Amino acid sequence: MAFQQDWVMRQIEMLVQFVARTIFHKDSIVYDIIDETNLSDEDLLYKKLREMIAKHEICEAEDLLFDNLDVDDNQSLALALDFYQKLNRMTDDELEAHNFSRQEIDDGVHEIMHKFNIPTLNL
């Protein structure tokens, strides 16, 4: 089981890195708040998602993310992928303790890519 979870974790990392390079022309995706004095809707959502992750409200945070996703804005894409990267860095035990799984992260990344019309290979 650990091998399978490691494989899923690497797949998630590779998908996010693919998007970082092809869409953002960067090696990785990190959502940054540019102006703390003039927060955008994405900035506010990012802060709320971080807070919810810290409170272990992962399922609710994912719902909030999808409810507020703007598929016409690449900042929204960066925010979503940053969210899943944060979850992917959690241990399997942490995820399980909060009713989430590595497979749900993988499913979420694929759903984000689908919503933004980014092709993926299902390996």
PDB file of N, CA and C in Angstrom:
ATOM      1  N   MET A   1       0.826  -1.207   0.000  1.00  0.00           N
ATOM      2  CA  MET A   1       0.000   0.000   0.000  1.00  0.00           C
ATOM      3  C   MET A   1       0.863   1.260   0.000  1.00  0.00           C
ATOM      4  N   ALA A   2       1.963   1.246   0.759  1.00  0.00           N
ATOM      5  CA  ALA A   2       2.840   2.416   0.823  1.00  0.00           C
ATOM      6  C   ALA A   2       3.424   2.727  -0.554  1.00  0.00           C
ATOM      7  N   PHE A   3       3.778   1.675  -1.293  1.00  0.00           N
ATOM      8  CA  PHE A   3       4.326   1.882  -2.634  1.00  0.00           C
ATOM      9  C   PHE A   3       3.307   2.569  -3.536  1.00  0.00           C
ATOM     10  N   GLN A   4       2.054   2.102  -3.461  1.00  0.00           N
ATOM     11  CA  GLN A   4       0.997   2.698  -4.271  1.00  0.00           C
ATOM     12  C   GLN A   4       0.786   4.164  -3.898  1.00  0.00           C
ATOM     13  N   GLN A   5       0.791   4.475  -2.614  1.00  0.00           N
ATOM     14  CA  GLN A   5       0.610   5.860  -2.170  1.00  0.00           C
ATOM     15  C   GLN A   5       1.764   6.738  -2.645  1.00  0.00           C
ATOM     16  N   ASP A   6       3.000   6.207  -2.580  1.00  0.00           N
ATOM     17  CA  ASP A   6       4.162   6.951  -3.074  1.00  0.00           C
ATOM     18  C   ASP A   6       4.033   7.217  -4.562  1.00  0.00           C
ATOM     19  N   TRP A   7       3.538   6.221  -5.296  1.00  0.00           N
ATOM     20  CA  TRP A   7       3.371   6.370  -6.737  1.00  0.00           C
ATOM     21  C   TRP A   7       2.350   7.466  -7.034  1.00  0.00           C
ATOM     22  N   VAL A   8       1.228   7.460  -6.326  1.00  0.00           N
ATOM     23  CA  VAL A   8       0.195   8.484  -6.515  1.00  0.00           C
ATOM     24  C   VAL A   8       0.759   9.853  -6.168  1.00  0.00           C
ATOM     25  N   MET A   9       1.520   9.927  -5.083  1.00  0.00           N
ATOM     26  CA  MET A   9       2.133  11.194  -4.673  1.00  0.00           C
ATOM     27  C   MET A   9       3.046  11.738  -5.778  1.00  0.00           C
ATOM     28  N   ARG A  10       3.850  10.871  -6.378  1.00  0.00           N
ATOM     29  CA  ARG A  10       4.742  11.299  -7.471  1.00  0.00           C
ATOM     30  C   ARG A  10       3.949  11.724  -8.704  1.00  0.00           C
ATOM     31  N   GLN A  11       2.847  11.022  -8.989  1.00  0.00           N
ATOM     32  CA  GLN A  11       2.013  11.384 -10.131  1.00  0.00           C
ATOM     33  C   GLN A  11       1.439  12.790  -9.953  1.00  0.00           C
ATOM     34  N   ILE A  12       0.997  13.092  -8.750  1.00  0.00           N
ATOM     35  CA  ILE A  12       0.454  14.423  -8.455  1.00  0.00           C
ATOM     36  C   ILE A  12       1.543  15.477  -8.666  1.00  0.00           C
ATOM     37  N   GLU A  13       2.717  15.229  -8.134  1.00  0.00           N
ATOM     38  CA  GLU A  13       3.833  16.160  -8.300  1.00  0.00           C
ATOM     39  C   GLU A  13       4.155  16.383  -9.771  1.00  0.00           C
ATOM     40  N   MET A  14       4.155  15.306 -10.555  1.00  0.00           N
ATOM     41  CA  MET A  14       4.473  15.419 -11.982  1.00  0.00           C
ATOM     42  C   MET A  14       3.403  16.216 -12.731  1.00  0.00           C
ATOM     43  N   LEU A  15       2.140  16.001 -12.399  1.00  0.00           N
ATOM     44  CA  LEU A  15       1.070  16.754 -13.050  1.00  0.00           C
ATOM     45  C   LEU A  15       1.175  18.244 -12.756  1.00  0.00           C
ATOM     46  N   VAL A  16       1.414  18.564 -11.493  1.00  0.00           N
ATOM     47  CA  VAL A  16       1.531  19.976 -11.113  1.00  0.00           C
ATOM     48  C   VAL A  16       2.758  20.600 -11.787  1.00  0.00           C
ATOM     49  N   GLN A  17       3.852  19.876 -11.838  1.00  0.00           N
ATOM     50  CA  GLN A  17       5.058  20.384 -12.493  1.00  0.00           C
ATOM     51  C   GLN A  17       4.818  20.582 -13.992  1.00  0.00           C
ATOM     52  N   PHE A  18       4.070  19.676 -14.609  1.00  0.00           N
ATOM     53  CA  PHE A  18       3.716  19.812 -16.025  1.00  0.00           C
ATOM     54  C   PHE A  18       2.968  21.119 -16.268  1.00  0.00           C
ATOM     55  N   VAL A  19       1.979  21.403 -15.441  1.00  0.00           N
ATOM     56  CA  VAL A  19       1.206  22.641 -15.590  1.00  0.00           C
ATOM     57  C   VAL A  19       2.091  23.855 -15.323  1.00  0.00           C
ATOM     58  N   ALA A  20       2.931  23.768 -14.316  1.00  0.00           N
ATOM     59  CA  ALA A  20       3.830  24.883 -13.991  1.00  0.00           C
ATOM     60  C   ALA A  20       4.686  25.240 -15.199  1.00  0.00           C
ATOM     61  N   ARG A  21       5.211  24.232 -15.856  1.00  0.00           N
ATOM     62  CA  ARG A  21       6.104  24.486 -16.998  1.00  0.00           C
ATOM     63  C   ARG A  21       5.350  24.911 -18.254  1.00  0.00           C
ATOM     64  N   THR A  22       4.220  24.269 -18.538  1.00  0.00           N
ATOM     65  CA  THR A  22       3.532  24.564 -19.791  1.00  0.00           C
ATOM     66  C   THR A  22       2.669  25.822 -19.731  1.00  0.00           C
ATOM     67  N   ILE A  23       2.037  26.079 -18.611  1.00  0.00           N
ATOM     68  CA  ILE A  23       1.134  27.242 -18.500  1.00  0.00           C
ATOM     69  C   ILE A  23       1.849  28.457 -17.931  1.00  0.00           C
ATOM     70  N   PHE A  24       2.636  28.235 -16.878  1.00  0.00           N
ATOM     71  CA  PHE A  24       3.234  29.352 -16.151  1.00  0.00           C
ATOM     72  C   PHE A  24       4.707  29.571 -16.477  1.00  0.00           C
ATOM     73  N   HIS A  25       5.307  28.662 -17.233  1.00  0.00           N
ATOM     74  CA  HIS A  25       6.723  28.752 -17.616  1.00  0.00           C
ATOM     75  C   HIS A  25       7.629  28.888 -16.399  1.00  0.00           C
ATOM     76  N   LYS A  26       7.298  28.101 -15.385  1.00  0.00           N
ATOM     77  CA  LYS A  26       8.070  28.056 -14.143  1.00  0.00           C
ATOM     78  C   LYS A  26       8.313  26.596 -13.790  1.00  0.00           C
ATOM     79  N   ASP A  27       9.226  26.367 -12.861  1.00  0.00           N
ATOM     80  CA  ASP A  27       9.506  24.994 -12.445  1.00  0.00           C
ATOM     81  C   ASP A  27       8.519  24.477 -11.411  1.00  0.00           C
ATOM     82  N   SER A  28       7.831  25.386 -10.743  1.00  0.00           N
ATOM     83  CA  SER A  28       6.869  24.964  -9.731  1.00  0.00           C
ATOM     84  C   SER A  28       5.766  26.009  -9.611  1.00  0.00           C
ATOM     85  N   ILE A  29       4.723  25.623  -8.914  1.00  0.00           N
ATOM     86  CA  ILE A  29       3.606  26.547  -8.692  1.00  0.00           C
ATOM     87  C   ILE A  29       3.538  26.875  -7.212  1.00  0.00           C
ATOM     88  N   VAL A  30       3.586  28.147  -6.942  1.00  0.00           N
ATOM     89  CA  VAL A  30       3.383  28.648  -5.587  1.00  0.00           C
ATOM     90  C   VAL A  30       2.473  29.860  -5.722  1.00  0.00           C
ATOM     91  N   TYR A  31       1.339  29.811  -5.063  1.00  0.00           N
ATOM     92  CA  TYR A  31       0.444  30.962  -5.105  1.00  0.00           C
ATOM     93  C   TYR A  31       1.009  32.038  -4.194  1.00  0.00           C
ATOM     94  N   ASP A  32       1.203  33.221  -4.737  1.00  0.00           N
ATOM     95  CA  ASP A  32       1.735  34.347  -3.956  1.00  0.00           C
ATOM     96  C   ASP A  32       0.723  35.476  -3.905  1.00  0.00           C
ATOM     97  N   ILE A  33       0.562  36.039  -2.733  1.00  0.00           N
ATOM     98  CA  ILE A  33      -0.226  37.260  -2.592  1.00  0.00           C
ATOM     99  C   ILE A  33       0.718  38.418  -2.893  1.00  0.00           C
ATOM    100  N   ILE A  34       0.401  39.161  -3.921  1.00  0.00           N
ATOM    101  CA  ILE A  34       1.276  40.240  -4.393  1.00  0.00           C
ATOM    102  C   ILE A  34       1.144  41.488  -3.533  1.00  0.00           C
ATOM    103  N   ASP A  35      -0.085  41.859  -3.212  1.00  0.00           N
ATOM    104  CA  ASP A  35      -0.337  43.107  -2.493  1.00  0.00           C
ATOM    105  C   ASP A  35      -1.252  42.840  -1.299  1.00  0.00           C
ATOM    106  N   GLU A  36      -0.680  42.765  -0.121  1.00  0.00           N
ATOM    107  CA  GLU A  36      -1.451  42.488   1.106  1.00  0.00           C
ATOM    108  C   GLU A  36      -2.474  43.584   1.418  1.00  0.00           C
ATOM    109  N   THR A  37      -2.280  44.773   0.865  1.00  0.00           N
ATOM    110  CA  THR A  37      -3.203  45.882   1.149  1.00  0.00           C
ATOM    111  C   THR A  37      -4.373  45.931   0.176  1.00  0.00           C
ATOM    112  N   ASN A  38      -4.264  45.184  -0.912  1.00  0.00           N
ATOM    113  CA  ASN A  38      -5.313  45.188  -1.931  1.00  0.00           C
ATOM    114  C   ASN A  38      -5.548  43.751  -2.388  1.00  0.00           C
ATOM    115  N   LEU A  39      -6.209  42.960  -1.533  1.00  0.00           N
ATOM    116  CA  LEU A  39      -6.375  41.542  -1.790  1.00  0.00           C
ATOM    117  C   LEU A  39      -7.435  41.264  -2.854  1.00  0.00           C
ATOM    118  N   SER A  40      -7.076  40.388  -3.786  1.00  0.00           N
ATOM    119  CA  SER A  40      -8.030  39.963  -4.811  1.00  0.00           C
ATOM    120  C   SER A  40      -8.942  38.884  -4.225  1.00  0.00           C
ATOM    121  N   ASP A  41      -9.952  38.504  -4.984  1.00  0.00           N
ATOM    122  CA  ASP A  41     -10.829  37.418  -4.552  1.00  0.00           C
ATOM    123  C   ASP A  41     -10.032  36.130  -4.363  1.00  0.00           C
ATOM    124  N   GLU A  42      -9.080  35.874  -5.265  1.00  0.00           N
ATOM    125  CA  GLU A  42      -8.239  34.682  -5.140  1.00  0.00           C
ATOM    126  C   GLU A  42      -7.371  34.755  -3.889  1.00  0.00           C
ATOM    127  N   ASP A  43      -6.852  35.944  -3.583  1.00  0.00           N
ATOM    128  CA  ASP A  43      -6.034  36.107  -2.374  1.00  0.00           C
ATOM    129  C   ASP A  43      -6.844  35.778  -1.119  1.00  0.00           C
ATOM    130  N   LEU A  44      -8.071  36.276  -1.073  1.00  0.00           N
ATOM    131  CA  LEU A  44      -8.935  36.015   0.077  1.00  0.00           C
ATOM    132  C   LEU A  44      -9.274  34.525   0.182  1.00  0.00           C
ATOM    133  N   LEU A  45      -9.533  33.918  -0.971  1.00  0.00           N
ATOM    134  CA  LEU A  45      -9.817  32.486  -0.982  1.00  0.00           C
ATOM    135  C   LEU A  45      -8.588  31.694  -0.528  1.00  0.00           C
ATOM    136  N   TYR A  46      -7.423  32.090  -0.991  1.00  0.00           N
ATOM    137  CA  TYR A  46      -6.170  31.427  -0.599  1.00  0.00           C
ATOM    138  C   TYR A  46      -5.988  31.467   0.917  1.00  0.00           C
ATOM    139  N   LYS A  47      -6.204  32.633   1.498  1.00  0.00           N
ATOM    140  CA  LYS A  47      -6.070  32.773   2.956  1.00  0.00           C
ATOM    141  C   LYS A  47      -7.076  31.880   3.683  1.00  0.00           C
ATOM    142  N   LYS A  48      -8.301  31.839   3.193  1.00  0.00           N
ATOM    143  CA  LYS A  48      -9.334  31.018   3.807  1.00  0.00           C
ATOM    144  C   LYS A  48      -8.988  29.526   3.689  1.00  0.00           C
ATOM    145  N   LEU A  49      -8.500  29.111   2.523  1.00  0.00           N
ATOM    146  CA  LEU A  49      -8.131  27.704   2.331  1.00  0.00           C
ATOM    147  C   LEU A  49      -6.984  27.297   3.250  1.00  0.00           C
ATOM    148  N   ARG A  50      -5.994  28.168   3.386  1.00  0.00           N
ATOM    149  CA  ARG A  50      -4.867  27.887   4.303  1.00  0.00           C
ATOM    150  C   ARG A  50      -5.376  27.726   5.729  1.00  0.00           C
ATOM    151  N   GLU A  51      -6.261  28.606   6.118  1.00  0.00           N
ATOM    152  CA  GLU A  51      -6.839  28.558   7.463  1.00  0.00           C
ATOM    153  C   GLU A  51      -7.613  27.246   7.666  1.00  0.00           C
ATOM    154  N   MET A  52      -8.379  26.841   6.663  1.00  0.00           N
ATOM    155  CA  MET A  52      -9.165  25.619   6.770  1.00  0.00           C
ATOM    156  C   MET A  52      -8.263  24.377   6.825  1.00  0.00           C
ATOM    157  N   ILE A  53      -7.194  24.379   6.053  1.00  0.00           N
ATOM    158  CA  ILE A  53      -6.243  23.264   6.106  1.00  0.00           C
ATOM    159  C   ILE A  53      -5.637  23.185   7.503  1.00  0.00           C
ATOM    160  N   ALA A  54      -5.266  24.326   8.051  1.00  0.00           N
ATOM    161  CA  ALA A  54      -4.680  24.360   9.398  1.00  0.00           C
ATOM    162  C   ALA A  54      -5.660  23.823  10.440  1.00  0.00           C
ATOM    163  N   LYS A  55      -6.941  24.029  10.203  1.00  0.00           N
ATOM    164  CA  LYS A  55      -7.975  23.531  11.122  1.00  0.00           C
ATOM    165  C   LYS A  55      -8.402  22.102  10.774  1.00  0.00           C
ATOM    166  N   HIS A  56      -7.749  21.522   9.783  1.00  0.00           N
ATOM    167  CA  HIS A  56      -8.021  20.158   9.320  1.00  0.00           C
ATOM    168  C   HIS A  56      -9.409  20.016   8.719  1.00  0.00           C
ATOM    169  N   GLU A  57      -9.896  21.072   8.105  1.00  0.00           N
ATOM    170  CA  GLU A  57     -11.198  21.057   7.426  1.00  0.00           C
ATOM    171  C   GLU A  57     -10.958  20.865   5.926  1.00  0.00           C
ATOM    172  N   ILE A  58     -10.325  19.758   5.590  1.00  0.00           N
ATOM    173  CA  ILE A  58      -9.859  19.538   4.222  1.00  0.00           C
ATOM    174  C   ILE A  58     -11.015  19.345   3.249  1.00  0.00           C
ATOM    175  N   CYS A  59     -11.962  18.516   3.593  1.00  0.00           N
ATOM    176  CA  CYS A  59     -13.108  18.276   2.701  1.00  0.00           C
ATOM    177  C   CYS A  59     -13.878  19.567   2.434  1.00  0.00           C
ATOM    178  N   GLU A  60     -14.097  20.328   3.488  1.00  0.00           N
ATOM    179  CA  GLU A  60     -14.814  21.600   3.354  1.00  0.00           C
ATOM    180  C   GLU A  60     -14.003  22.601   2.521  1.00  0.00           C
ATOM    181  N   ALA A  61     -12.686  22.581   2.701  1.00  0.00           N
ATOM    182  CA  ALA A  61     -11.816  23.483   1.935  1.00  0.00           C
ATOM    183  C   ALA A  61     -11.873  23.137   0.451  1.00  0.00           C
ATOM    184  N   GLU A  62     -11.863  21.855   0.139  1.00  0.00           N
ATOM    185  CA  GLU A  62     -11.944  21.451  -1.267  1.00  0.00           C
ATOM    186  C   GLU A  62     -13.276  21.894  -1.865  1.00  0.00           C
ATOM    187  N   ASP A  63     -14.362  21.735  -1.123  1.00  0.00           N
ATOM    188  CA  ASP A  63     -15.668  22.198  -1.600  1.00  0.00           C
ATOM    189  C   ASP A  63     -15.653  23.704  -1.858  1.00  0.00           C
ATOM    190  N   LEU A  64     -15.070  24.452  -0.939  1.00  0.00           N
ATOM    191  CA  LEU A  64     -14.981  25.909  -1.093  1.00  0.00           C
ATOM    192  C   LEU A  64     -14.164  26.265  -2.331  1.00  0.00           C
ATOM    193  N   LEU A  65     -13.069  25.553  -2.546  1.00  0.00           N
ATOM    194  CA  LEU A  65     -12.239  25.793  -3.726  1.00  0.00           C
ATOM    195  C   LEU A  65     -13.056  25.618  -5.006  1.00  0.00           C
ATOM    196  N   PHE A  66     -13.740  24.494  -5.129  1.00  0.00           N
ATOM    197  CA  PHE A  66     -14.507  24.238  -6.354  1.00  0.00           C
ATOM    198  C   PHE A  66     -15.683  25.200  -6.506  1.00  0.00           C
ATOM    199  N   ASP A  67     -16.271  25.622  -5.396  1.00  0.00           N
ATOM    200  CA  ASP A  67     -17.379  26.583  -5.464  1.00  0.00           C
ATOM    201  C   ASP A  67     -16.922  27.954  -5.953  1.00  0.00           C
ATOM    202  N   ASN A  68     -15.638  28.262  -5.783  1.00  0.00           N
ATOM    203  CA  ASN A  68     -15.140  29.595  -6.121  1.00  0.00           C
ATOM    204  C   ASN A  68     -14.133  29.599  -7.260  1.00  0.00           C
ATOM    205  N   LEU A  69     -14.011  28.506  -7.961  1.00  0.00           N
ATOM    206  CA  LEU A  69     -13.056  28.380  -9.049  1.00  0.00           C
ATOM    207  C   LEU A  69     -13.468  29.241 -10.233  1.00  0.00           C
ATOM    208  N   ASP A  70     -12.547  30.028 -10.760  1.00  0.00           N
ATOM    209  CA  ASP A  70     -12.784  30.840 -11.953  1.00  0.00           C
ATOM    210  C   ASP A  70     -11.943  30.262 -13.083  1.00  0.00           C
ATOM    211  N   VAL A  71     -12.568  29.476 -13.936  1.00  0.00           N
ATOM    212  CA  VAL A  71     -11.824  28.759 -14.973  1.00  0.00           C
ATOM    213  C   VAL A  71     -11.285  29.676 -16.076  1.00  0.00           C
ATOM    214  N   ASP A  72     -11.609  30.946 -16.022  1.00  0.00           N
ATOM    215  CA  ASP A  72     -11.080  31.905 -16.990  1.00  0.00           C
ATOM    216  C   ASP A  72      -9.891  32.681 -16.449  1.00  0.00           C
ATOM    217  N   ASP A  73      -9.405  32.311 -15.267  1.00  0.00           N
ATOM    218  CA  ASP A  73      -8.326  33.052 -14.616  1.00  0.00           C
ATOM    219  C   ASP A  73      -7.212  32.096 -14.198  1.00  0.00           C
ATOM    220  N   ASN A  74      -6.024  32.282 -14.763  1.00  0.00           N
ATOM    221  CA  ASN A  74      -4.899  31.420 -14.427  1.00  0.00           C
ATOM    222  C   ASN A  74      -4.466  31.553 -12.971  1.00  0.00           C
ATOM    223  N   GLN A  75      -4.790  32.653 -12.323  1.00  0.00           N
ATOM    224  CA  GLN A  75      -4.484  32.778 -10.891  1.00  0.00           C
ATOM    225  C   GLN A  75      -5.316  31.773 -10.097  1.00  0.00           C
ATOM    226  N   SER A  76      -6.529  31.541 -10.554  1.00  0.00           N
ATOM    227  CA  SER A  76      -7.388  30.558  -9.923  1.00  0.00           C
ATOM    228  C   SER A  76      -6.808  29.149 -10.118  1.00  0.00           C
ATOM    229  N   LEU A  77      -6.238  28.901 -11.277  1.00  0.00           N
ATOM    230  CA  LEU A  77      -5.558  27.629 -11.546  1.00  0.00           C
ATOM    231  C   LEU A  77      -4.361  27.459 -10.614  1.00  0.00           C
ATOM    232  N   ALA A  78      -3.551  28.503 -10.499  1.00  0.00           N
ATOM    233  CA  ALA A  78      -2.386  28.451  -9.604  1.00  0.00           C
ATOM    234  C   ALA A  78      -2.822  28.207  -8.162  1.00  0.00           C
ATOM    235  N   LEU A  79      -3.874  28.871  -7.752  1.00  0.00           N
ATOM    236  CA  LEU A  79      -4.405  28.703  -6.397  1.00  0.00           C
ATOM    237  C   LEU A  79      -4.839  27.254  -6.156  1.00  0.00           C
ATOM    238  N   ALA A  80      -5.567  26.700  -7.102  1.00  0.00           N
ATOM    239  CA  ALA A  80      -6.058  25.327  -6.951  1.00  0.00           C
ATOM    240  C   ALA A  80      -4.905  24.326  -6.882  1.00  0.00           C
ATOM    241  N   LEU A  81      -3.932  24.474  -7.759  1.00  0.00           N
ATOM    242  CA  LEU A  81      -2.807  23.538  -7.756  1.00  0.00           C
ATOM    243  C   LEU A  81      -1.940  23.712  -6.516  1.00  0.00           C
ATOM    244  N   ASP A  82      -1.794  24.934  -6.051  1.00  0.00           N
ATOM    245  CA  ASP A  82      -1.067  25.183  -4.798  1.00  0.00           C
ATOM    246  C   ASP A  82      -1.783  24.478  -3.638  1.00  0.00           C
ATOM    247  N   PHE A  83      -3.090  24.553  -3.632  1.00  0.00           N
ATOM    248  CA  PHE A  83      -3.893  23.889  -2.604  1.00  0.00           C
ATOM    249  C   PHE A  83      -3.607  22.387  -2.588  1.00  0.00           C
ATOM    250  N   TYR A  84      -3.654  21.764  -3.755  1.00  0.00           N
ATOM    251  CA  TYR A  84      -3.427  20.324  -3.806  1.00  0.00           C
ATOM    252  C   TYR A  84      -1.976  19.952  -3.499  1.00  0.00           C
ATOM    253  N   GLN A  85      -1.052  20.826  -3.847  1.00  0.00           N
ATOM    254  CA  GLN A  85       0.341  20.574  -3.468  1.00  0.00           C
ATOM    255  C   GLN A  85       0.487  20.561  -1.949  1.00  0.00           C
ATOM    256  N   LYS A  86      -0.156  21.495  -1.287  1.00  0.00           N
ATOM    257  CA  LYS A  86      -0.109  21.535   0.180  1.00  0.00           C
ATOM    258  C   LYS A  86      -0.667  20.243   0.773  1.00  0.00           C
ATOM    259  N   LEU A  87      -1.779  19.780   0.237  1.00  0.00           N
ATOM    260  CA  LEU A  87      -2.354  18.533   0.721  1.00  0.00           C
ATOM    261  C   LEU A  87      -1.430  17.355   0.424  1.00  0.00           C
ATOM    262  N   ASN A  88      -0.825  17.368  -0.741  1.00  0.00           N
ATOM    263  CA  ASN A  88       0.042  16.261  -1.148  1.00  0.00           C
ATOM    264  C   ASN A  88       1.282  16.146  -0.254  1.00  0.00           C
ATOM    265  N   ARG A  89       1.659  17.235   0.394  1.00  0.00           N
ATOM    266  CA  ARG A  89       2.813  17.219   1.301  1.00  0.00           C
ATOM    267  C   ARG A  89       2.462  16.630   2.669  1.00  0.00           C
ATOM    268  N   MET A  90       1.178  16.461   2.928  1.00  0.00           N
ATOM    269  CA  MET A  90       0.759  15.858   4.190  1.00  0.00           C
ATOM    270  C   MET A  90       1.025  14.354   4.142  1.00  0.00           C
ATOM    271  N   THR A  91       1.204  13.753   5.294  1.00  0.00           N
ATOM    272  CA  THR A  91       1.399  12.308   5.349  1.00  0.00           C
ATOM    273  C   THR A  91       0.070  11.605   5.119  1.00  0.00           C
ATOM    274  N   ASP A  92       0.162  10.344   4.751  1.00  0.00           N
ATOM    275  CA  ASP A  92      -1.055   9.553   4.572  1.00  0.00           C
ATOM    276  C   ASP A  92      -1.851   9.475   5.870  1.00  0.00           C
ATOM    277  N   ASP A  93      -1.143   9.365   6.985  1.00  0.00           N
ATOM    278  CA  ASP A  93      -1.823   9.310   8.285  1.00  0.00           C
ATOM    279  C   ASP A  93      -2.565  10.608   8.575  1.00  0.00           C
ATOM    280  N   GLU A  94      -1.944  11.753   8.260  1.00  0.00           N
ATOM    281  CA  GLU A  94      -2.613  13.045   8.470  1.00  0.00           C
ATOM    282  C   GLU A  94      -3.863  13.138   7.610  1.00  0.00           C
ATOM    283  N   LEU A  95      -3.729  12.764   6.349  1.00  0.00           N
ATOM    284  CA  LEU A  95      -4.876  12.815   5.449  1.00  0.00           C
ATOM    285  C   LEU A  95      -5.997  11.905   5.949  1.00  0.00           C
ATOM    286  N   GLU A  96      -5.642  10.690   6.294  1.00  0.00           N
ATOM    287  CA  GLU A  96      -6.637   9.726   6.761  1.00  0.00           C
ATOM    288  C   GLU A  96      -7.331  10.200   8.037  1.00  0.00           C
ATOM    289  N   ALA A  97      -6.567  10.819   8.924  1.00  0.00           N
ATOM    290  CA  ALA A  97      -7.142  11.313  10.181  1.00  0.00           C
ATOM    291  C   ALA A  97      -8.187  12.403   9.936  1.00  0.00           C
ATOM    292  N   HIS A  98      -8.110  13.035   8.768  1.00  0.00           N
ATOM    293  CA  HIS A  98      -9.036  14.122   8.453  1.00  0.00           C
ATOM    294  C   HIS A  98      -9.936  13.767   7.281  1.00  0.00           C
ATOM    295  N   ASN A  99     -10.147  12.439   7.131  1.00  0.00           N
ATOM    296  CA  ASN A  99     -11.115  11.930   6.170  1.00  0.00           C
ATOM    297  C   ASN A  99     -10.804  12.324   4.727  1.00  0.00           C
ATOM    298  N   PHE A 100      -9.523  12.236   4.363  1.00  0.00           N
ATOM    299  CA  PHE A 100      -9.105  12.550   3.003  1.00  0.00           C
ATOM    300  C   PHE A 100      -8.062  11.523   2.601  1.00  0.00           C
ATOM    301  N   SER A 101      -7.820  11.387   1.314  1.00  0.00           N
ATOM    302  CA  SER A 101      -6.851  10.400   0.848  1.00  0.00           C
ATOM    303  C   SER A 101      -5.978  10.981  -0.263  1.00  0.00           C
ATOM    304  N   ARG A 102      -4.880  10.311  -0.493  1.00  0.00           N
ATOM    305  CA  ARG A 102      -3.984  10.698  -1.580  1.00  0.00           C
ATOM    306  C   ARG A 102      -4.718  10.569  -2.914  1.00  0.00           C
ATOM    307  N   GLN A 103      -5.552   9.548  -3.042  1.00  0.00           N
ATOM    308  CA  GLN A 103      -6.310   9.355  -4.281  1.00  0.00           C
ATOM    309  C   GLN A 103      -7.277  10.512  -4.524  1.00  0.00           C
ATOM    310  N   GLU A 104      -7.862  11.053  -3.452  1.00  0.00           N
ATOM    311  CA  GLU A 104      -8.748  12.215  -3.605  1.00  0.00           C
ATOM    312  C   GLU A 104      -7.966  13.443  -4.076  1.00  0.00           C
ATOM    313  N   ILE A 105      -6.725  13.560  -3.666  1.00  0.00           N
ATOM    314  CA  ILE A 105      -5.878  14.655  -4.150  1.00  0.00           C
ATOM    315  C   ILE A 105      -5.653  14.484  -5.643  1.00  0.00           C
ATOM    316  N   ASP A 106      -5.301  13.273  -6.039  1.00  0.00           N
ATOM    317  CA  ASP A 106      -5.071  12.979  -7.460  1.00  0.00           C
ATOM    318  C   ASP A 106      -6.338  13.260  -8.271  1.00  0.00           C
ATOM    319  N   ASP A 107      -7.471  12.820  -7.764  1.00  0.00           N
ATOM    320  CA  ASP A 107      -8.745  13.071  -8.447  1.00  0.00           C
ATOM    321  C   ASP A 107      -9.008  14.567  -8.561  1.00  0.00           C
ATOM    322  N   GLY A 108      -8.723  15.310  -7.501  1.00  0.00           N
ATOM    323  CA  GLY A 108      -8.935  16.753  -7.507  1.00  0.00           C
ATOM    324  C   GLY A 108      -8.056  17.459  -8.520  1.00  0.00           C
ATOM    325  N   VAL A 109      -6.792  17.070  -8.598  1.00  0.00           N
ATOM    326  CA  VAL A 109      -5.880  17.676  -9.586  1.00  0.00           C
ATOM    327  C   VAL A 109      -6.378  17.387 -10.995  1.00  0.00           C
ATOM    328  N   HIS A 110      -6.795  16.152 -11.238  1.00  0.00           N
ATOM    329  CA  HIS A 110      -7.324  15.816 -12.563  1.00  0.00           C
ATOM    330  C   HIS A 110      -8.593  16.614 -12.873  1.00  0.00           C
ATOM    331  N   GLU A 111      -9.447  16.789 -11.884  1.00  0.00           N
ATOM    332  CA  GLU A 111     -10.671  17.566 -12.096  1.00  0.00           C
ATOM    333  C   GLU A 111     -10.347  19.035 -12.403  1.00  0.00           C
ATOM    334  N   ILE A 112      -9.376  19.582 -11.691  1.00  0.00           N
ATOM    335  CA  ILE A 112      -8.943  20.968 -11.960  1.00  0.00           C
ATOM    336  C   ILE A 112      -8.429  21.085 -13.392  1.00  0.00           C
ATOM    337  N   MET A 113      -7.585  20.141 -13.779  1.00  0.00           N
ATOM    338  CA  MET A 113      -7.026  20.189 -15.131  1.00  0.00           C
ATOM    339  C   MET A 113      -8.128  20.056 -16.175  1.00  0.00           C
ATOM    340  N   HIS A 114      -9.106  19.210 -15.905  1.00  0.00           N
ATOM    341  CA  HIS A 114     -10.247  19.069 -16.814  1.00  0.00           C
ATOM    342  C   HIS A 114     -11.025  20.383 -16.922  1.00  0.00           C
ATOM    343  N   LYS A 115     -11.295  21.017 -15.784  1.00  0.00           N
ATOM    344  CA  LYS A 115     -12.057  22.264 -15.782  1.00  0.00           C
ATOM    345  C   LYS A 115     -11.329  23.381 -16.539  1.00  0.00           C
ATOM    346  N   PHE A 116      -9.991  23.349 -16.515  1.00  0.00           N
ATOM    347  CA  PHE A 116      -9.206  24.356 -17.218  1.00  0.00           C
ATOM    348  C   PHE A 116      -8.780  23.900 -18.608  1.00  0.00           C
ATOM    349  N   ASN A 117      -9.370  22.787 -19.064  1.00  0.00           N
ATOM    350  CA  ASN A 117      -9.094  22.229 -20.405  1.00  0.00           C
ATOM    351  C   ASN A 117      -7.625  21.933 -20.639  1.00  0.00           C
ATOM    352  N   ILE A 118      -6.968  21.401 -19.638  1.00  0.00           N
ATOM    353  CA  ILE A 118      -5.575  20.993 -19.747  1.00  0.00           C
ATOM    354  C   ILE A 118      -5.569  19.474 -19.894  1.00  0.00           C
ATOM    355  N   PRO A 119      -5.056  18.975 -21.022  1.00  0.00           N
ATOM    356  CA  PRO A 119      -5.082  17.518 -21.222  1.00  0.00           C
ATOM    357  C   PRO A 119      -4.154  16.795 -20.260  1.00  0.00           C
ATOM    358  N   THR A 120      -4.583  15.618 -19.824  1.00  0.00           N
ATOM    359  CA  THR A 120      -3.758  14.775 -18.971  1.00  0.00           C
ATOM    360  C   THR A 120      -3.747  13.360 -19.522  1.00  0.00           C
ATOM    361  N   LEU A 121      -2.720  12.652 -19.166  1.00  0.00           N
ATOM    362  CA  LEU A 121      -2.648  11.226 -19.475  1.00  0.00           C
ATOM    363  C   LEU A 121      -2.984  10.471 -18.219  1.00  0.00           C
ATOM    364  N   ASN A 122      -3.905   9.580 -18.288  1.00  0.00           N
ATOM    365  CA  ASN A 122      -4.212   8.734 -17.126  1.00  0.00           C
ATOM    366  C   ASN A 122      -3.336   7.504 -17.201  1.00  0.00           C
ATOM    367  N   LEU A 123      -2.307   7.502 -16.381  1.00  0.00           N
ATOM    368  CA  LEU A 123      -1.366   6.379 -16.390  1.00  0.00           C
ATOM    369  C   LEU A 123      -1.826   5.291 -15.464  1.00  0.00           C
TER     370      LEU A 123
END
